[in-house]
Amino acid sequence: MHPVKMILTYDIRPDIQDRYYQFMLGEMVPTLNTIGLSMSGAWHTAYGNYPARLVEFVAEDRATLERVIASETYERLEQELQQFVLNYQRKSVPLRENLFQF
């Protein structure tokens, strides 16, 4: 088994920032944790022309990640997240321990 990382990048809509944080901390992160993804990091871009937020989730292997992404639960969470953000992108990469991945 080779762990994989799912990387979400986006800009948070400033008009609904509080609701974004409530959703992420109260629903998305705990739900993904129960269905096979563990949050491994959240990064904020303070300077430069990059997405404001980069959030990382780790799965034990690619099959687990694909199962989670294909689930109705993930589809619902992703759709709801996109109500709070702009310029949303998702990708998966092999996990490289102790390295920042973009």
Protein backbone atom coordinates (compact mmCIF):
# COMPACT_ATOMS: atom_id res chain seq x y z
CA MET A 1 0.00 0.00 0.00
CA HIS A 2 1.20 3.46 -0.89
CA PRO A 3 -0.48 6.44 0.81
CA VAL A 4 -1.81 9.20 -1.42
CA LYS A 5 -2.60 12.82 -0.74
CA MET A 6 -5.61 14.76 -2.01
CA ILE A 7 -4.86 18.46 -2.36
CA LEU A 8 -7.63 21.05 -2.51
CA THR A 9 -6.78 24.62 -3.49
CA TYR A 10 -9.12 27.60 -3.57
CA ASP A 11 -9.87 31.15 -2.52
CA ILE A 12 -12.39 31.67 0.27
CA ARG A 13 -15.25 34.02 -0.58
CA PRO A 14 -14.76 36.94 1.83
CA ASP A 15 -18.50 37.60 2.23
CA ILE A 16 -19.14 34.18 3.81
CA GLN A 17 -15.84 33.37 5.50
CA ASP A 18 -17.43 32.53 8.87
CA ARG A 19 -19.82 30.04 7.28
CA TYR A 20 -16.89 28.47 5.40
CA TYR A 21 -15.01 27.84 8.67
CA GLN A 22 -18.12 26.42 10.34
CA PHE A 23 -18.63 24.03 7.43
CA MET A 24 -14.99 22.91 7.19
CA LEU A 25 -14.45 22.37 10.91
CA GLY A 26 -17.95 21.20 11.79
CA GLU A 27 -18.79 19.00 8.83
CA MET A 28 -16.26 18.42 6.06
CA VAL A 29 -13.16 17.49 8.04
CA PRO A 30 -14.94 15.23 10.57
CA THR A 31 -16.99 13.50 7.86
CA LEU A 32 -13.99 12.83 5.62
CA ASN A 33 -12.16 11.45 8.63
CA THR A 34 -14.92 8.90 9.22
CA ILE A 35 -14.96 7.72 5.59
CA GLY A 36 -11.22 7.22 5.10
CA LEU A 37 -9.37 10.53 4.68
CA SER A 38 -7.30 12.21 7.37
CA MET A 39 -6.57 15.91 7.20
CA SER A 40 -2.80 16.35 7.13
CA GLY A 41 -2.47 20.09 6.70
CA ALA A 42 -4.05 23.42 5.87
CA TRP A 43 -2.00 26.25 4.44
CA HIS A 44 -2.76 29.92 3.92
CA THR A 45 -1.01 31.96 1.23
CA ALA A 46 0.01 35.30 2.70
CA TYR A 47 1.84 36.64 -0.34
CA GLY A 48 1.90 35.94 -4.06
CA ASN A 49 -0.46 35.03 -6.85
CA TYR A 50 -1.52 31.61 -5.56
CA PRO A 51 -4.76 30.23 -4.15
CA ALA A 52 -5.41 31.56 -0.64
CA ARG A 53 -5.94 28.09 0.80
CA LEU A 54 -4.35 24.68 0.29
CA VAL A 55 -5.87 21.81 2.27
CA GLU A 56 -4.41 18.29 2.34
CA PHE A 57 -6.08 14.97 3.11
CA VAL A 58 -4.30 11.60 3.17
CA ALA A 59 -5.70 8.17 2.26
CA GLU A 60 -3.98 4.87 2.99
CA ASP A 61 -3.93 4.04 -0.74
CA ARG A 62 -5.29 5.15 -4.12
CA ALA A 63 -8.21 2.70 -3.96
CA THR A 64 -9.41 4.27 -0.71
CA LEU A 65 -9.14 7.77 -2.16
CA GLU A 66 -11.02 6.76 -5.31
CA ARG A 67 -13.76 5.10 -3.21
CA VAL A 68 -14.16 8.25 -1.10
CA ILE A 69 -14.21 10.60 -4.11
CA ALA A 70 -16.82 8.42 -5.84
CA SER A 71 -19.10 8.37 -2.78
CA GLU A 72 -22.31 10.36 -2.55
CA THR A 73 -21.07 11.76 0.77
CA TYR A 74 -17.96 13.25 -0.83
CA GLU A 75 -19.89 14.59 -3.80
CA ARG A 76 -22.27 16.39 -1.41
CA LEU A 77 -19.41 17.81 0.66
CA GLU A 78 -17.52 18.99 -2.41
CA GLN A 79 -20.61 20.69 -3.82
CA GLU A 80 -21.25 22.43 -0.52
CA LEU A 81 -17.61 23.52 -0.21
CA GLN A 82 -17.81 25.11 -3.66
CA GLN A 83 -20.57 27.43 -2.38
CA PHE A 84 -17.99 29.02 -0.04
CA VAL A 85 -14.99 29.23 -2.38
CA LEU A 86 -13.76 30.40 -5.79
CA ASN A 87 -11.12 28.93 -8.12
CA TYR A 88 -11.55 25.43 -6.65
CA GLN A 89 -9.21 22.67 -7.79
CA ARG A 90 -8.64 19.12 -6.58
CA LYS A 91 -5.77 16.77 -7.37
CA SER A 92 -4.16 13.68 -5.92
CA VAL A 93 -0.47 12.87 -5.67
CA PRO A 94 1.63 10.11 -4.09
CA LEU A 95 2.36 11.06 -0.49
CA ARG A 96 5.89 12.35 0.07
CA GLU A 97 6.57 12.40 3.80
CA ASN A 98 7.62 15.70 5.38
CA LEU A 99 7.51 17.63 2.09
CA PHE A 100 5.21 20.45 1.07
CA GLN A 101 3.31 19.36 -2.04
CA PHE A 102 1.44 21.74 -4.35
